[in-house]
PDB file of all heavy atoms in Angstrom:
ATOM      1  N   GLN A   1      83.391  64.085 114.824  1.00  0.00           N
ATOM      2  CA  GLN A   1      83.949  65.425 115.047  1.00  0.00           C
ATOM      3  C   GLN A   1      83.943  66.239 113.744  1.00  0.00           C
ATOM      4  O   GLN A   1      84.990  66.609 113.217  1.00  0.00           O
ATOM      5  CB  GLN A   1      85.353  65.340 115.634  1.00  0.00           C
ATOM      6  CG  GLN A   1      85.390  64.670 117.004  1.00  0.00           C
ATOM      7  CD  GLN A   1      86.765  64.667 117.634  1.00  0.00           C
ATOM      8  OE1 GLN A   1      87.783  64.894 116.975  1.00  0.00           O
ATOM      9  NE2 GLN A   1      86.820  64.403 118.915  1.00  0.00           N
ATOM     10  N   PRO A   2      82.761  66.502 113.242  1.00  0.00           N
ATOM     11  CA  PRO A   2      82.645  67.164 111.931  1.00  0.00           C
ATOM     12  C   PRO A   2      83.006  68.641 111.970  1.00  0.00           C
ATOM     13  O   PRO A   2      82.898  69.299 113.011  1.00  0.00           O
ATOM     14  CB  PRO A   2      81.163  66.995 111.608  1.00  0.00           C
ATOM     15  CG  PRO A   2      80.498  66.984 112.963  1.00  0.00           C
ATOM     16  CD  PRO A   2      81.452  66.248 113.852  1.00  0.00           C
ATOM     17  N   MET A   3      83.402  69.120 110.822  1.00  0.00           N
ATOM     18  CA  MET A   3      83.555  70.560 110.641  1.00  0.00           C
ATOM     19  C   MET A   3      82.277  71.154 110.064  1.00  0.00           C
ATOM     20  O   MET A   3      81.872  72.252 110.431  1.00  0.00           O
ATOM     21  CB  MET A   3      84.734  70.861 109.713  1.00  0.00           C
ATOM     22  CG  MET A   3      84.953  72.352 109.425  1.00  0.00           C
ATOM     23  SD  MET A   3      85.247  73.364 110.919  1.00  0.00           S
ATOM     24  CE  MET A   3      86.882  72.775 111.377  1.00  0.00           C
ATOM     25  N   LEU A   4      81.625  70.386 109.187  1.00  0.00           N
ATOM     26  CA  LEU A   4      80.421  70.883 108.542  1.00  0.00           C
ATOM     27  C   LEU A   4      79.323  69.811 108.537  1.00  0.00           C
ATOM     28  O   LEU A   4      79.553  68.681 108.091  1.00  0.00           O
ATOM     29  CB  LEU A   4      80.720  71.306 107.103  1.00  0.00           C
ATOM     30  CG  LEU A   4      81.528  72.606 106.958  1.00  0.00           C
ATOM     31  CD1 LEU A   4      82.018  72.769 105.534  1.00  0.00           C
ATOM     32  CD2 LEU A   4      80.690  73.805 107.369  1.00  0.00           C
ATOM     33  N   VAL A   5      78.171  70.189 109.034  1.00  0.00           N
ATOM     34  CA  VAL A   5      77.000  69.319 109.085  1.00  0.00           C
ATOM     35  C   VAL A   5      75.866  70.008 108.341  1.00  0.00           C
ATOM     36  O   VAL A   5      75.662  71.220 108.493  1.00  0.00           O
ATOM     37  CB  VAL A   5      76.567  69.045 110.542  1.00  0.00           C
ATOM     38  CG1 VAL A   5      75.288  68.202 110.571  1.00  0.00           C
ATOM     39  CG2 VAL A   5      77.677  68.366 111.325  1.00  0.00           C
ATOM     40  N   LEU A   6      75.139  69.242 107.558  1.00  0.00           N
ATOM     41  CA  LEU A   6      73.941  69.754 106.893  1.00  0.00           C
ATOM     42  C   LEU A   6      72.732  69.009 107.433  1.00  0.00           C
ATOM     43  O   LEU A   6      72.708  67.775 107.449  1.00  0.00           O
ATOM     44  CB  LEU A   6      74.032  69.554 105.376  1.00  0.00           C
ATOM     45  CG  LEU A   6      72.775  69.908 104.577  1.00  0.00           C
ATOM     46  CD1 LEU A   6      72.464  71.401 104.679  1.00  0.00           C
ATOM     47  CD2 LEU A   6      72.932  69.490 103.112  1.00  0.00           C
ATOM     48  N   GLU A   7      71.732  69.761 107.870  1.00  0.00           N
ATOM     49  CA  GLU A   7      70.475  69.172 108.302  1.00  0.00           C
ATOM     50  C   GLU A   7      69.362  69.688 107.401  1.00  0.00           C
ATOM     51  O   GLU A   7      69.203  70.895 107.236  1.00  0.00           O
ATOM     52  CB  GLU A   7      70.174  69.549 109.759  1.00  0.00           C
ATOM     53  CG  GLU A   7      68.839  69.007 110.245  1.00  0.00           C
ATOM     54  CD  GLU A   7      68.541  69.401 111.681  1.00  0.00           C
ATOM     55  OE1 GLU A   7      68.498  70.624 111.968  1.00  0.00           O
ATOM     56  OE2 GLU A   7      68.326  68.515 112.513  1.00  0.00           O
ATOM     57  N   ILE A   8      68.602  68.770 106.831  1.00  0.00           N
ATOM     58  CA  ILE A   8      67.472  69.136 105.972  1.00  0.00           C
ATOM     59  C   ILE A   8      66.197  68.851 106.759  1.00  0.00           C
ATOM     60  O   ILE A   8      65.776  67.704 106.895  1.00  0.00           O
ATOM     61  CB  ILE A   8      67.502  68.343 104.654  1.00  0.00           C
ATOM     62  CG1 ILE A   8      68.862  68.501 103.960  1.00  0.00           C
ATOM     63  CG2 ILE A   8      66.385  68.816 103.726  1.00  0.00           C
ATOM     64  CD1 ILE A   8      69.035  67.596 102.755  1.00  0.00           C
ATOM     65  N   GLY A   9      65.620  69.891 107.320  1.00  0.00           N
ATOM     66  CA  GLY A   9      64.447  69.768 108.174  1.00  0.00           C
ATOM     67  C   GLY A   9      64.802  70.050 109.620  1.00  0.00           C
ATOM     68  O   GLY A   9      65.255  69.164 110.348  1.00  0.00           O
ATOM     69  N   THR A  10      64.623  71.297 110.061  1.00  0.00           N
ATOM     70  CA  THR A  10      65.027  71.706 111.408  1.00  0.00           C
ATOM     71  C   THR A  10      63.975  71.386 112.458  1.00  0.00           C
ATOM     72  O   THR A  10      64.302  71.023 113.587  1.00  0.00           O
ATOM     73  CB  THR A  10      65.292  73.228 111.447  1.00  0.00           C
ATOM     74  OG1 THR A  10      66.098  73.609 110.338  1.00  0.00           O
ATOM     75  CG2 THR A  10      65.990  73.635 112.737  1.00  0.00           C
ATOM     76  N   PHE A  11      62.705  71.544 112.102  1.00  0.00           N
ATOM     77  CA  PHE A  11      61.572  71.434 113.019  1.00  0.00           C
ATOM     78  C   PHE A  11      61.770  72.420 114.172  1.00  0.00           C
ATOM     79  O   PHE A  11      61.879  73.610 113.918  1.00  0.00           O
ATOM     80  CB  PHE A  11      61.368  69.995 113.482  1.00  0.00           C
ATOM     81  CG  PHE A  11      60.054  69.752 114.167  1.00  0.00           C
ATOM     82  CD1 PHE A  11      58.885  70.251 113.636  1.00  0.00           C
ATOM     83  CD2 PHE A  11      59.984  69.047 115.355  1.00  0.00           C
ATOM     84  CE1 PHE A  11      57.652  70.046 114.266  1.00  0.00           C
ATOM     85  CE2 PHE A  11      58.774  68.824 115.992  1.00  0.00           C
ATOM     86  CZ  PHE A  11      57.614  69.333 115.447  1.00  0.00           C
ATOM     87  N   THR A  12      61.837  71.976 115.414  1.00  0.00           N
ATOM     88  CA  THR A  12      62.003  72.933 116.523  1.00  0.00           C
ATOM     89  C   THR A  12      63.440  72.986 117.034  1.00  0.00           C
ATOM     90  O   THR A  12      63.700  73.561 118.097  1.00  0.00           O
ATOM     91  CB  THR A  12      61.044  72.616 117.685  1.00  0.00           C
ATOM     92  OG1 THR A  12      61.288  71.296 118.182  1.00  0.00           O
ATOM     93  CG2 THR A  12      59.600  72.720 117.227  1.00  0.00           C
ATOM     94  N   GLY A  13      64.368  72.381 116.302  1.00  0.00           N
ATOM     95  CA  GLY A  13      65.784  72.566 116.601  1.00  0.00           C
ATOM     96  C   GLY A  13      66.458  71.500 117.442  1.00  0.00           C
ATOM     97  O   GLY A  13      67.675  71.559 117.656  1.00  0.00           O
ATOM     98  N   TYR A  14      65.702  70.529 117.922  1.00  0.00           N
ATOM     99  CA  TYR A  14      66.255  69.519 118.833  1.00  0.00           C
ATOM    100  C   TYR A  14      67.430  68.768 118.197  1.00  0.00           C
ATOM    101  O   TYR A  14      68.507  68.660 118.791  1.00  0.00           O
ATOM    102  CB  TYR A  14      65.137  68.545 119.222  1.00  0.00           C
ATOM    103  CG  TYR A  14      65.474  67.570 120.325  1.00  0.00           C
ATOM    104  CD1 TYR A  14      64.976  67.753 121.612  1.00  0.00           C
ATOM    105  CD2 TYR A  14      66.237  66.439 120.087  1.00  0.00           C
ATOM    106  CE1 TYR A  14      65.248  66.847 122.625  1.00  0.00           C
ATOM    107  CE2 TYR A  14      66.522  65.530 121.092  1.00  0.00           C
ATOM    108  CZ  TYR A  14      66.024  65.736 122.358  1.00  0.00           C
ATOM    109  OH  TYR A  14      66.298  64.835 123.357  1.00  0.00           O
ATOM    110  N   SER A  15      67.232  68.238 117.002  1.00  0.00           N
ATOM    111  CA  SER A  15      68.273  67.427 116.367  1.00  0.00           C
ATOM    112  C   SER A  15      69.493  68.264 115.985  1.00  0.00           C
ATOM    113  O   SER A  15      70.633  67.787 116.080  1.00  0.00           O
ATOM    114  CB  SER A  15      67.718  66.694 115.145  1.00  0.00           C
ATOM    115  OG  SER A  15      67.069  67.595 114.258  1.00  0.00           O
ATOM    116  N   ALA A  16      69.286  69.503 115.560  1.00  0.00           N
ATOM    117  CA  ALA A  16      70.418  70.370 115.215  1.00  0.00           C
ATOM    118  C   ALA A  16      71.291  70.631 116.436  1.00  0.00           C
ATOM    119  O   ALA A  16      72.523  70.658 116.343  1.00  0.00           O
ATOM    120  CB  ALA A  16      69.917  71.687 114.626  1.00  0.00           C
ATOM    121  N   ILE A  17      70.651  70.826 117.579  1.00  0.00           N
ATOM    122  CA  ILE A  17      71.399  71.023 118.822  1.00  0.00           C
ATOM    123  C   ILE A  17      72.232  69.785 119.130  1.00  0.00           C
ATOM    124  O   ILE A  17      73.411  69.878 119.493  1.00  0.00           O
ATOM    125  CB  ILE A  17      70.446  71.351 119.979  1.00  0.00           C
ATOM    126  CG1 ILE A  17      69.775  72.711 119.740  1.00  0.00           C
ATOM    127  CG2 ILE A  17      71.194  71.364 121.323  1.00  0.00           C
ATOM    128  CD1 ILE A  17      68.621  73.015 120.679  1.00  0.00           C
ATOM    129  N   CYS A  18      71.628  68.610 118.978  1.00  0.00           N
ATOM    130  CA  CYS A  18      72.364  67.360 119.211  1.00  0.00           C
ATOM    131  C   CYS A  18      73.552  67.236 118.265  1.00  0.00           C
ATOM    132  O   CYS A  18      74.659  66.866 118.684  1.00  0.00           O
ATOM    133  CB  CYS A  18      71.427  66.170 119.041  1.00  0.00           C
ATOM    134  SG  CYS A  18      70.111  66.067 120.278  1.00  0.00           S
ATOM    135  N   LEU A  19      73.347  67.536 116.998  1.00  0.00           N
ATOM    136  CA  LEU A  19      74.412  67.419 116.009  1.00  0.00           C
ATOM    137  C   LEU A  19      75.535  68.427 116.241  1.00  0.00           C
ATOM    138  O   LEU A  19      76.677  68.200 115.832  1.00  0.00           O
ATOM    139  CB  LEU A  19      73.834  67.600 114.604  1.00  0.00           C
ATOM    140  CG  LEU A  19      72.991  66.427 114.092  1.00  0.00           C
ATOM    141  CD1 LEU A  19      72.160  66.850 112.883  1.00  0.00           C
ATOM    142  CD2 LEU A  19      73.873  65.230 113.741  1.00  0.00           C
ATOM    143  N   SER A  20      75.227  69.535 116.902  1.00  0.00           N
ATOM    144  CA  SER A  20      76.238  70.562 117.158  1.00  0.00           C
ATOM    145  C   SER A  20      77.206  70.161 118.271  1.00  0.00           C
ATOM    146  O   SER A  20      78.260  70.777 118.431  1.00  0.00           O
ATOM    147  CB  SER A  20      75.564  71.888 117.521  1.00  0.00           C
ATOM    148  OG  SER A  20      75.045  71.860 118.846  1.00  0.00           O
ATOM    149  N   LYS A  21      76.875  69.128 119.027  1.00  0.00           N
ATOM    150  CA  LYS A  21      77.644  68.784 120.227  1.00  0.00           C
ATOM    151  C   LYS A  21      79.065  68.321 119.938  1.00  0.00           C
ATOM    152  O   LYS A  21      79.955  68.480 120.771  1.00  0.00           O
ATOM    153  CB  LYS A  21      76.917  67.692 121.020  1.00  0.00           C
ATOM    154  CG  LYS A  21      75.529  68.071 121.529  1.00  0.00           C
ATOM    155  CD  LYS A  21      75.602  69.032 122.684  1.00  0.00           C
ATOM    156  CE  LYS A  21      74.208  69.245 123.286  1.00  0.00           C
ATOM    157  NZ  LYS A  21      74.242  70.109 124.476  1.00  0.00           N
ATOM    158  N   GLY A  22      79.286  67.720 118.757  1.00  0.00           N
ATOM    159  CA  GLY A  22      80.613  67.177 118.473  1.00  0.00           C
ATOM    160  C   GLY A  22      81.414  67.965 117.461  1.00  0.00           C
ATOM    161  O   GLY A  22      82.454  67.485 116.988  1.00  0.00           O
ATOM    162  N   LEU A  23      80.965  69.147 117.107  1.00  0.00           N
ATOM    163  CA  LEU A  23      81.648  69.949 116.102  1.00  0.00           C
ATOM    164  C   LEU A  23      83.090  70.270 116.497  1.00  0.00           C
ATOM    165  O   LEU A  23      83.387  70.512 117.668  1.00  0.00           O
ATOM    166  CB  LEU A  23      80.904  71.270 115.878  1.00  0.00           C
ATOM    167  CG  LEU A  23      79.575  71.221 115.128  1.00  0.00           C
ATOM    168  CD1 LEU A  23      78.895  72.589 115.224  1.00  0.00           C
ATOM    169  CD2 LEU A  23      79.761  70.810 113.674  1.00  0.00           C
ATOM    170  N   GLN A  24      83.968  70.271 115.506  1.00  0.00           N
ATOM    171  CA  GLN A  24      85.314  70.792 115.723  1.00  0.00           C
ATOM    172  C   GLN A  24      85.224  72.282 116.040  1.00  0.00           C
ATOM    173  O   GLN A  24      84.216  72.941 115.766  1.00  0.00           O
ATOM    174  CB  GLN A  24      86.159  70.617 114.463  1.00  0.00           C
ATOM    175  CG  GLN A  24      86.427  69.187 114.057  1.00  0.00           C
ATOM    176  CD  GLN A  24      87.305  69.121 112.815  1.00  0.00           C
ATOM    177  OE1 GLN A  24      88.197  69.951 112.625  1.00  0.00           O
ATOM    178  NE2 GLN A  24      87.044  68.140 111.964  1.00  0.00           N
ATOM    179  N   GLN A  25      86.280  72.825 116.597  1.00  0.00           N
ATOM    180  CA  GLN A  25      86.310  74.257 116.858  1.00  0.00           C
ATOM    181  C   GLN A  25      86.131  75.010 115.538  1.00  0.00           C
ATOM    182  O   GLN A  25      86.828  74.744 114.555  1.00  0.00           O
ATOM    183  CB  GLN A  25      87.628  74.663 117.508  1.00  0.00           C
ATOM    184  CG  GLN A  25      87.681  76.120 117.932  1.00  0.00           C
ATOM    185  CD  GLN A  25      88.932  76.452 118.714  1.00  0.00           C
ATOM    186  OE1 GLN A  25      89.768  75.595 118.961  1.00  0.00           O
ATOM    187  NE2 GLN A  25      89.072  77.697 119.123  1.00  0.00           N
ATOM    188  N   GLY A  26      85.192  75.906 115.504  1.00  0.00           N
ATOM    189  CA  GLY A  26      84.895  76.656 114.291  1.00  0.00           C
ATOM    190  C   GLY A  26      83.932  75.954 113.359  1.00  0.00           C
ATOM    191  O   GLY A  26      83.550  76.505 112.318  1.00  0.00           O
ATOM    192  N   GLY A  27      83.507  74.740 113.706  1.00  0.00           N
ATOM    193  CA  GLY A  27      82.580  73.993 112.874  1.00  0.00           C
ATOM    194  C   GLY A  27      81.169  74.560 112.929  1.00  0.00           C
ATOM    195  O   GLY A  27      80.811  75.276 113.867  1.00  0.00           O
ATOM    196  N   LYS A  28      80.371  74.208 111.932  1.00  0.00           N
ATOM    197  CA  LYS A  28      79.011  74.738 111.837  1.00  0.00           C
ATOM    198  C   LYS A  28      78.018  73.646 111.415  1.00  0.00           C
ATOM    199  O   LYS A  28      78.350  72.749 110.660  1.00  0.00           O
ATOM    200  CB  LYS A  28      78.927  75.868 110.796  1.00  0.00           C
ATOM    201  CG  LYS A  28      79.814  77.073 111.078  1.00  0.00           C
ATOM    202  CD  LYS A  28      79.329  77.882 112.272  1.00  0.00           C
ATOM    203  CE  LYS A  28      80.200  79.122 112.478  1.00  0.00           C
ATOM    204  NZ  LYS A  28      79.795  79.875 113.694  1.00  0.00           N
ATOM    205  N   VAL A  29      76.807  73.784 111.913  1.00  0.00           N
ATOM    206  CA  VAL A  29      75.662  73.034 111.418  1.00  0.00           C
ATOM    207  C   VAL A  29      74.840  73.982 110.555  1.00  0.00           C
ATOM    208  O   VAL A  29      74.418  75.043 111.032  1.00  0.00           O
ATOM    209  CB  VAL A  29      74.784  72.493 112.561  1.00  0.00           C
ATOM    210  CG1 VAL A  29      73.529  71.823 111.993  1.00  0.00           C
ATOM    211  CG2 VAL A  29      75.554  71.519 113.439  1.00  0.00           C
ATOM    212  N   HIS A  30      74.638  73.641 109.299  1.00  0.00           N
ATOM    213  CA  HIS A  30      73.726  74.380 108.435  1.00  0.00           C
ATOM    214  C   HIS A  30      72.394  73.628 108.458  1.00  0.00           C
ATOM    215  O   HIS A  30      72.327  72.463 108.051  1.00  0.00           O
ATOM    216  CB  HIS A  30      74.248  74.455 107.004  1.00  0.00           C
ATOM    217  CG  HIS A  30      75.412  75.372 106.825  1.00  0.00           C
ATOM    218  ND1 HIS A  30      75.281  76.637 106.294  1.00  0.00           N
ATOM    219  CD2 HIS A  30      76.728  75.210 107.114  1.00  0.00           C
ATOM    220  CE1 HIS A  30      76.467  77.222 106.250  1.00  0.00           C
ATOM    221  NE2 HIS A  30      77.371  76.373 106.748  1.00  0.00           N
ATOM    222  N   SER A  31      71.355  74.271 108.948  1.00  0.00           N
ATOM    223  CA  SER A  31      70.058  73.614 109.060  1.00  0.00           C
ATOM    224  C   SER A  31      69.023  74.370 108.243  1.00  0.00           C
ATOM    225  O   SER A  31      68.953  75.603 108.299  1.00  0.00           O
ATOM    226  CB  SER A  31      69.620  73.545 110.533  1.00  0.00           C
ATOM    227  OG  SER A  31      68.489  72.724 110.680  1.00  0.00           O
ATOM    228  N   ILE A  32      68.226  73.625 107.486  1.00  0.00           N
ATOM    229  CA  ILE A  32      67.266  74.222 106.557  1.00  0.00           C
ATOM    230  C   ILE A  32      65.846  73.886 106.994  1.00  0.00           C
ATOM    231  O   ILE A  32      65.514  72.723 107.218  1.00  0.00           O
ATOM    232  CB  ILE A  32      67.492  73.706 105.120  1.00  0.00           C
ATOM    233  CG1 ILE A  32      68.940  73.967 104.681  1.00  0.00           C
ATOM    234  CG2 ILE A  32      66.511  74.362 104.150  1.00  0.00           C
ATOM    235  CD1 ILE A  32      69.295  73.314 103.355  1.00  0.00           C
ATOM    236  N   GLU A  33      65.018  74.915 107.112  1.00  0.00           N
ATOM    237  CA  GLU A  33      63.621  74.718 107.504  1.00  0.00           C
ATOM    238  C   GLU A  33      62.700  75.517 106.582  1.00  0.00           C
ATOM    239  O   GLU A  33      62.899  76.715 106.389  1.00  0.00           O
ATOM    240  CB  GLU A  33      63.411  75.148 108.956  1.00  0.00           C
ATOM    241  CG  GLU A  33      61.978  75.064 109.446  1.00  0.00           C
ATOM    242  CD  GLU A  33      61.356  73.686 109.249  1.00  0.00           C
ATOM    243  OE1 GLU A  33      61.984  72.682 109.648  1.00  0.00           O
ATOM    244  OE2 GLU A  33      60.240  73.616 108.682  1.00  0.00           O
ATOM    245  N   LEU A  34      61.707  74.840 106.038  1.00  0.00           N
ATOM    246  CA  LEU A  34      60.769  75.482 105.124  1.00  0.00           C
ATOM    247  C   LEU A  34      59.705  76.290 105.858  1.00  0.00           C
ATOM    248  O   LEU A  34      59.311  77.372 105.412  1.00  0.00           O
ATOM    249  CB  LEU A  34      60.101  74.419 104.249  1.00  0.00           C
ATOM    250  CG  LEU A  34      59.098  74.903 103.197  1.00  0.00           C
ATOM    251  CD1 LEU A  34      59.775  75.818 102.174  1.00  0.00           C
ATOM    252  CD2 LEU A  34      58.453  73.711 102.491  1.00  0.00           C
ATOM    253  N   ASN A  35      59.249  75.774 107.005  1.00  0.00           N
ATOM    254  CA  ASN A  35      58.161  76.409 107.744  1.00  0.00           C
ATOM    255  C   ASN A  35      58.676  77.619 108.537  1.00  0.00           C
ATOM    256  O   ASN A  35      59.582  77.493 109.370  1.00  0.00           O
ATOM    257  CB  ASN A  35      57.516  75.387 108.681  1.00  0.00           C
ATOM    258  CG  ASN A  35      56.327  75.949 109.429  1.00  0.00           C
ATOM    259  OD1 ASN A  35      56.476  76.695 110.387  1.00  0.00           O
ATOM    260  ND2 ASN A  35      55.129  75.584 108.994  1.00  0.00           N
ATOM    261  N   LYS A  36      58.082  78.776 108.291  1.00  0.00           N
ATOM    262  CA  LYS A  36      58.554  80.008 108.912  1.00  0.00           C
ATOM    263  C   LYS A  36      58.418  79.978 110.429  1.00  0.00           C
ATOM    264  O   LYS A  36      59.328  80.399 111.160  1.00  0.00           O
ATOM    265  CB  LYS A  36      57.771  81.206 108.344  1.00  0.00           C
ATOM    266  CG  LYS A  36      58.233  82.561 108.862  1.00  0.00           C
ATOM    267  CD  LYS A  36      57.447  83.684 108.207  1.00  0.00           C
ATOM    268  CE  LYS A  36      57.906  85.046 108.722  1.00  0.00           C
ATOM    269  NZ  LYS A  36      57.132  86.154 108.070  1.00  0.00           N
ATOM    270  N   ASP A  37      57.288  79.486 110.932  1.00  0.00           N
ATOM    271  CA  ASP A  37      57.069  79.445 112.382  1.00  0.00           C
ATOM    272  C   ASP A  37      58.056  78.500 113.063  1.00  0.00           C
ATOM    273  O   ASP A  37      58.586  78.813 114.138  1.00  0.00           O
ATOM    274  CB  ASP A  37      55.632  79.015 112.693  1.00  0.00           C
ATOM    275  CG  ASP A  37      54.611  80.068 112.291  1.00  0.00           C
ATOM    276  OD1 ASP A  37      54.977  81.257 112.197  1.00  0.00           O
ATOM    277  OD2 ASP A  37      53.438  79.694 112.062  1.00  0.00           O
ATOM    278  N   ASP A  38      58.303  77.354 112.448  1.00  0.00           N
ATOM    279  CA  ASP A  38      59.260  76.411 113.025  1.00  0.00           C
ATOM    280  C   ASP A  38      60.674  76.980 113.000  1.00  0.00           C
ATOM    281  O   ASP A  38      61.454  76.776 113.937  1.00  0.00           O
ATOM    282  CB  ASP A  38      59.216  75.075 112.281  1.00  0.00           C
ATOM    283  CG  ASP A  38      57.964  74.275 112.605  1.00  0.00           C
ATOM    284  OD1 ASP A  38      57.294  74.589 113.607  1.00  0.00           O
ATOM    285  OD2 ASP A  38      57.644  73.338 111.841  1.00  0.00           O
ATOM    286  N   ALA A  39      61.013  77.676 111.937  1.00  0.00           N
ATOM    287  CA  ALA A  39      62.334  78.306 111.854  1.00  0.00           C
ATOM    288  C   ALA A  39      62.509  79.323 112.969  1.00  0.00           C
ATOM    289  O   ALA A  39      63.568  79.385 113.617  1.00  0.00           O
ATOM    290  CB  ALA A  39      62.513  78.964 110.489  1.00  0.00           C
ATOM    291  N   HIS A  40      61.477  80.112 113.221  1.00  0.00           N
ATOM    292  CA  HIS A  40      61.541  81.119 114.286  1.00  0.00           C
ATOM    293  C   HIS A  40      61.687  80.448 115.653  1.00  0.00           C
ATOM    294  O   HIS A  40      62.510  80.867 116.481  1.00  0.00           O
ATOM    295  CB  HIS A  40      60.277  81.984 114.255  1.00  0.00           C
ATOM    296  CG  HIS A  40      60.216  83.012 115.340  1.00  0.00           C
ATOM    297  ND1 HIS A  40      61.049  84.116 115.367  1.00  0.00           N
ATOM    298  CD2 HIS A  40      59.432  83.098 116.454  1.00  0.00           C
ATOM    299  CE1 HIS A  40      60.785  84.837 116.441  1.00  0.00           C
ATOM    300  NE2 HIS A  40      59.815  84.241 117.118  1.00  0.00           N
ATOM    301  N   LEU A  41      60.924  79.382 115.876  1.00  0.00           N
ATOM    302  CA  LEU A  41      60.981  78.681 117.153  1.00  0.00           C
ATOM    303  C   LEU A  41      62.328  78.002 117.353  1.00  0.00           C
ATOM    304  O   LEU A  41      62.912  78.049 118.451  1.00  0.00           O
ATOM    305  CB  LEU A  41      59.854  77.651 117.231  1.00  0.00           C
ATOM    306  CG  LEU A  41      59.766  76.807 118.505  1.00  0.00           C
ATOM    307  CD1 LEU A  41      59.652  77.692 119.744  1.00  0.00           C
ATOM    308  CD2 LEU A  41      58.586  75.855 118.421  1.00  0.00           C
ATOM    309  N   SER A  42      62.854  77.383 116.317  1.00  0.00           N
ATOM    310  CA  SER A  42      64.145  76.710 116.443  1.00  0.00           C
ATOM    311  C   SER A  42      65.260  77.709 116.724  1.00  0.00           C
ATOM    312  O   SER A  42      66.182  77.422 117.495  1.00  0.00           O
ATOM    313  CB  SER A  42      64.456  75.890 115.192  1.00  0.00           C
ATOM    314  OG  SER A  42      64.520  76.701 114.044  1.00  0.00           O
ATOM    315  N   SER A  43      65.175  78.894 116.132  1.00  0.00           N
ATOM    316  CA  SER A  43      66.164  79.934 116.400  1.00  0.00           C
ATOM    317  C   SER A  43      66.163  80.309 117.880  1.00  0.00           C
ATOM    318  O   SER A  43      67.230  80.464 118.502  1.00  0.00           O
ATOM    319  CB  SER A  43      65.872  81.164 115.535  1.00  0.00           C
ATOM    320  OG  SER A  43      66.836  82.171 115.755  1.00  0.00           O
TER     321      SER A  43
END
C-alpha cells in the first residue's frame, strides 16, 4: 500500500498500471520513459 512508487522504464504502461492498483489515497506512481513514442502510448 505505497504512497510513492518509482518506475524506471514505462514502455507501454502495463506495469505502471499494475503498480498503481495498491496505492494509498493520494498516492502516485512516478514513471520514467526515455522513448518519446512509448511515453505517448503509455499516456
